[in-house]
Every structure is written in structure tokens, then in C-alpha cells.
């Protein structure tokens, strides 16, 4: 919510439009199928939206284990290459 308000103010758009852009940007980078579906409709996130999406998602980074190029099993977390 904080980033949608901030994006709305910085881009001079409505809060609803800012929320829509952030949601579309998140979906766009979810996987290849969402990327293709949104790109086919001309929905490609702009740099300002990505900036605010990154700020909004950055607190989640600590909940993910850092992975290298070698699969590792440590505690309850594991890495399996796609």
C-alpha cells in the first residue's frame, strides 16, 4: 500500500492505477507464461513501476535462502535446479 501511494504521487496517477501497475509488474515477472500473456497485451512494466515494486518486495528477501550454482541441503531449505 505504501508503494502504491508513493508510485501514484511520483507518476501523477491515481492510487488505483498505481496498484494496477504494481500488480501487473509482479505478474509480468512471475513466470514465462504470465510474461508472454501480458506482453501480448502490450503490458510491459516501466522503470518507475519496477523501482516501486522492488522497494515493496525487498523486505521479503530475508525469507529466501541464498543459493549458489551447487545444490545444497541445509536444515529445512533445499535447492533443486529447474
N, C-alpha and C. Protein backbone atom coordinates (compact mmCIF):
# COMPACT_ATOMS: atom_id res chain seq x y z
N UNK A 1 0.82 -1.19 0.00
CA UNK A 1 0.00 0.00 0.00
C UNK A 1 0.87 1.26 0.00
N UNK A 2 1.95 1.22 0.77
CA UNK A 2 2.82 2.40 0.82
C UNK A 2 3.42 2.69 -0.55
N UNK A 3 3.85 1.64 -1.25
CA UNK A 3 4.48 1.87 -2.54
C UNK A 3 3.48 2.27 -3.61
N UNK A 4 2.25 1.79 -3.51
CA UNK A 4 1.26 2.22 -4.49
C UNK A 4 0.96 3.71 -4.32
N UNK A 5 0.91 4.16 -3.08
CA UNK A 5 0.70 5.59 -2.83
C UNK A 5 1.88 6.41 -3.33
N UNK A 6 3.07 5.91 -3.06
CA UNK A 6 4.28 6.61 -3.49
C UNK A 6 4.39 6.65 -5.01
N UNK A 7 4.09 5.52 -5.66
CA UNK A 7 4.11 5.47 -7.12
C UNK A 7 3.06 6.42 -7.69
N UNK A 8 1.87 6.42 -7.12
CA UNK A 8 0.80 7.30 -7.60
C UNK A 8 1.24 8.76 -7.55
N UNK A 9 1.86 9.13 -6.46
CA UNK A 9 2.29 10.52 -6.30
C UNK A 9 3.42 10.85 -7.28
N UNK A 10 4.40 9.95 -7.38
CA UNK A 10 5.56 10.22 -8.24
C UNK A 10 5.20 10.21 -9.73
N UNK A 11 4.27 9.33 -10.12
CA UNK A 11 3.89 9.22 -11.54
C UNK A 11 2.69 10.10 -11.88
N UNK A 12 2.13 10.78 -10.87
CA UNK A 12 0.96 11.62 -11.07
C UNK A 12 -0.21 10.82 -11.65
N UNK A 13 -0.49 9.67 -11.03
CA UNK A 13 -1.60 8.81 -11.43
C UNK A 13 -2.45 8.52 -10.19
N UNK A 14 -3.60 7.91 -10.40
CA UNK A 14 -4.47 7.59 -9.27
C UNK A 14 -3.89 6.42 -8.47
N UNK A 15 -4.23 6.32 -7.20
CA UNK A 15 -3.78 5.17 -6.40
C UNK A 15 -4.24 3.84 -7.00
N UNK A 16 -5.44 3.81 -7.56
CA UNK A 16 -5.95 2.58 -8.18
C UNK A 16 -5.09 2.19 -9.38
N UNK A 17 -4.71 3.16 -10.19
CA UNK A 17 -3.84 2.89 -11.35
C UNK A 17 -2.47 2.41 -10.88
N UNK A 18 -1.96 2.99 -9.81
CA UNK A 18 -0.67 2.57 -9.27
C UNK A 18 -0.73 1.12 -8.79
N UNK A 19 -1.80 0.76 -8.09
CA UNK A 19 -1.96 -0.62 -7.63
C UNK A 19 -2.03 -1.57 -8.81
N UNK A 20 -2.76 -1.17 -9.85
CA UNK A 20 -2.88 -1.99 -11.06
C UNK A 20 -1.52 -2.20 -11.71
N UNK A 21 -0.74 -1.14 -11.83
CA UNK A 21 0.59 -1.25 -12.45
C UNK A 21 1.52 -2.15 -11.64
N UNK A 22 1.47 -2.02 -10.32
CA UNK A 22 2.32 -2.86 -9.47
C UNK A 22 1.91 -4.32 -9.58
N UNK A 23 0.61 -4.59 -9.60
CA UNK A 23 0.12 -5.96 -9.73
C UNK A 23 0.51 -6.55 -11.08
N UNK A 24 0.38 -5.77 -12.13
CA UNK A 24 0.76 -6.25 -13.46
C UNK A 24 2.26 -6.51 -13.55
N UNK A 25 3.05 -5.65 -12.94
CA UNK A 25 4.50 -5.85 -12.96
C UNK A 25 4.89 -7.11 -12.21
N UNK A 26 4.24 -7.36 -11.08
CA UNK A 26 4.52 -8.58 -10.32
C UNK A 26 4.15 -9.81 -11.15
N UNK A 27 2.98 -9.78 -11.77
CA UNK A 27 2.55 -10.90 -12.61
C UNK A 27 3.49 -11.07 -13.81
N UNK A 28 3.91 -9.97 -14.40
CA UNK A 28 4.80 -10.00 -15.57
C UNK A 28 6.07 -10.78 -15.29
N UNK A 29 6.61 -10.62 -14.08
CA UNK A 29 7.86 -11.29 -13.74
C UNK A 29 7.66 -12.59 -12.96
N UNK A 30 6.40 -13.08 -12.89
CA UNK A 30 6.14 -14.32 -12.17
C UNK A 30 6.71 -15.52 -12.91
N UNK A 31 6.42 -15.66 -14.17
CA UNK A 31 6.97 -16.75 -14.98
C UNK A 31 6.80 -16.42 -16.46
N UNK A 32 7.28 -17.33 -17.30
CA UNK A 32 7.28 -17.10 -18.74
C UNK A 32 5.86 -16.96 -19.30
N UNK A 33 4.92 -17.77 -18.81
CA UNK A 33 3.56 -17.72 -19.33
C UNK A 33 2.88 -16.38 -19.04
N UNK A 34 3.01 -15.90 -17.80
CA UNK A 34 2.45 -14.58 -17.47
C UNK A 34 3.16 -13.49 -18.27
N UNK A 35 4.46 -13.62 -18.41
CA UNK A 35 5.23 -12.64 -19.17
C UNK A 35 4.71 -12.57 -20.60
N UNK A 36 4.55 -13.72 -21.22
CA UNK A 36 4.07 -13.76 -22.61
C UNK A 36 2.64 -13.22 -22.72
N UNK A 37 1.78 -13.61 -21.79
CA UNK A 37 0.37 -13.18 -21.84
C UNK A 37 0.25 -11.66 -21.70
N UNK A 38 0.98 -11.09 -20.76
CA UNK A 38 0.90 -9.65 -20.56
C UNK A 38 1.59 -8.88 -21.69
N UNK A 39 2.73 -9.38 -22.14
CA UNK A 39 3.44 -8.72 -23.23
C UNK A 39 2.59 -8.72 -24.50
N UNK A 40 1.84 -9.79 -24.73
CA UNK A 40 0.97 -9.87 -25.91
C UNK A 40 -0.12 -8.80 -25.86
N UNK A 41 -0.49 -8.38 -24.66
CA UNK A 41 -1.49 -7.32 -24.50
C UNK A 41 -0.85 -5.95 -24.38
N UNK A 42 0.47 -5.88 -24.57
CA UNK A 42 1.16 -4.60 -24.50
C UNK A 42 1.47 -4.13 -23.10
N UNK A 43 1.35 -5.02 -22.13
CA UNK A 43 1.62 -4.66 -20.74
C UNK A 43 3.07 -5.00 -20.42
N UNK A 44 3.91 -3.99 -20.40
CA UNK A 44 5.32 -4.14 -20.04
C UNK A 44 5.62 -3.07 -18.99
N UNK A 45 6.07 -3.50 -17.80
CA UNK A 45 6.29 -2.54 -16.71
C UNK A 45 7.34 -1.49 -17.05
N UNK A 46 7.07 -0.26 -16.66
CA UNK A 46 8.04 0.82 -16.87
C UNK A 46 9.02 0.87 -15.70
N UNK A 47 10.09 1.61 -15.86
CA UNK A 47 11.16 1.67 -14.86
C UNK A 47 10.68 2.19 -13.51
N UNK A 48 9.81 3.16 -13.52
CA UNK A 48 9.33 3.73 -12.26
C UNK A 48 8.50 2.71 -11.48
N UNK A 49 7.66 1.98 -12.18
CA UNK A 49 6.86 0.93 -11.53
C UNK A 49 7.77 -0.14 -10.96
N UNK A 50 8.79 -0.54 -11.72
CA UNK A 50 9.72 -1.57 -11.24
C UNK A 50 10.49 -1.09 -10.02
N UNK A 51 10.82 0.18 -9.98
CA UNK A 51 11.50 0.73 -8.81
C UNK A 51 10.64 0.54 -7.56
N UNK A 52 9.38 0.90 -7.66
CA UNK A 52 8.48 0.79 -6.51
C UNK A 52 8.14 -0.66 -6.18
N UNK A 53 8.06 -1.52 -7.19
CA UNK A 53 7.84 -2.94 -6.93
C UNK A 53 9.02 -3.53 -6.17
N UNK A 54 10.23 -3.16 -6.57
CA UNK A 54 11.43 -3.63 -5.88
C UNK A 54 11.46 -3.20 -4.43
N UNK A 55 11.08 -1.96 -4.18
CA UNK A 55 11.04 -1.45 -2.81
C UNK A 55 9.99 -2.23 -2.00
N UNK A 56 8.85 -2.49 -2.61
CA UNK A 56 7.77 -3.20 -1.92
C UNK A 56 8.16 -4.64 -1.59
N UNK A 57 8.89 -5.28 -2.49
CA UNK A 57 9.24 -6.70 -2.30
C UNK A 57 10.52 -6.92 -1.52
N UNK A 58 11.35 -5.92 -1.40
CA UNK A 58 12.66 -6.12 -0.76
C UNK A 58 12.60 -6.67 0.66
N UNK A 59 11.60 -6.35 1.48
CA UNK A 59 11.56 -6.95 2.82
C UNK A 59 11.40 -8.47 2.80
N UNK A 60 10.90 -9.02 1.70
CA UNK A 60 10.71 -10.47 1.60
C UNK A 60 12.02 -11.21 1.35
N UNK A 61 13.05 -10.52 0.95
CA UNK A 61 14.31 -11.16 0.56
C UNK A 61 14.91 -12.00 1.68
N UNK A 62 14.77 -11.58 2.91
CA UNK A 62 15.36 -12.32 4.02
C UNK A 62 14.70 -13.68 4.24
N UNK A 63 13.52 -13.89 3.69
CA UNK A 63 12.85 -15.17 3.88
C UNK A 63 13.30 -16.22 2.88
N UNK A 64 14.14 -15.84 1.95
CA UNK A 64 14.66 -16.78 0.96
C UNK A 64 16.12 -17.09 1.24
N UNK A 65 16.49 -18.34 1.07
CA UNK A 65 17.88 -18.74 1.27
C UNK A 65 18.68 -18.34 0.03
N UNK A 66 19.87 -17.87 0.26
CA UNK A 66 20.76 -17.57 -0.87
C UNK A 66 21.20 -18.89 -1.49
N UNK A 67 21.19 -18.95 -2.80
CA UNK A 67 21.60 -20.18 -3.48
C UNK A 67 22.75 -19.88 -4.41
N UNK A 68 23.61 -20.85 -4.56
CA UNK A 68 24.73 -20.74 -5.49
C UNK A 68 24.47 -21.64 -6.68
N UNK A 69 25.52 -21.97 -7.38
CA UNK A 69 25.36 -22.83 -8.54
C UNK A 69 25.45 -24.31 -8.19
N UNK A 70 25.65 -24.63 -6.92
CA UNK A 70 25.74 -26.01 -6.47
C UNK A 70 24.54 -26.29 -5.56
N UNK A 71 23.73 -27.33 -5.87
CA UNK A 71 22.60 -27.65 -4.99
C UNK A 71 23.06 -27.96 -3.57
N UNK A 72 22.34 -27.42 -2.60
CA UNK A 72 22.70 -27.58 -1.20
C UNK A 72 21.44 -27.88 -0.39
N UNK A 73 21.59 -28.77 0.59
CA UNK A 73 20.50 -29.01 1.52
C UNK A 73 20.99 -28.59 2.89
N UNK A 74 20.31 -27.61 3.48
CA UNK A 74 20.71 -27.10 4.79
C UNK A 74 19.45 -26.93 5.63
N UNK A 75 19.33 -27.70 6.67
CA UNK A 75 18.15 -27.59 7.51
C UNK A 75 16.91 -27.96 6.74
N UNK A 76 15.90 -27.12 6.79
CA UNK A 76 14.65 -27.43 6.10
C UNK A 76 14.58 -26.82 4.70
N UNK A 77 15.61 -26.11 4.29
CA UNK A 77 15.60 -25.49 2.97
C UNK A 77 16.43 -26.33 2.00
N UNK A 78 15.96 -26.45 0.78
CA UNK A 78 16.73 -27.18 -0.22
C UNK A 78 16.60 -26.46 -1.56
N UNK A 79 17.51 -26.73 -2.43
CA UNK A 79 17.53 -26.12 -3.75
C UNK A 79 17.52 -27.23 -4.78
N UNK A 80 16.60 -27.13 -5.72
CA UNK A 80 16.52 -28.09 -6.80
C UNK A 80 16.50 -27.31 -8.10
N UNK A 81 17.48 -27.54 -8.96
CA UNK A 81 17.51 -26.80 -10.22
C UNK A 81 16.29 -27.13 -11.08
N UNK A 82 15.84 -26.15 -11.83
CA UNK A 82 14.65 -26.32 -12.68
C UNK A 82 14.95 -27.19 -13.87
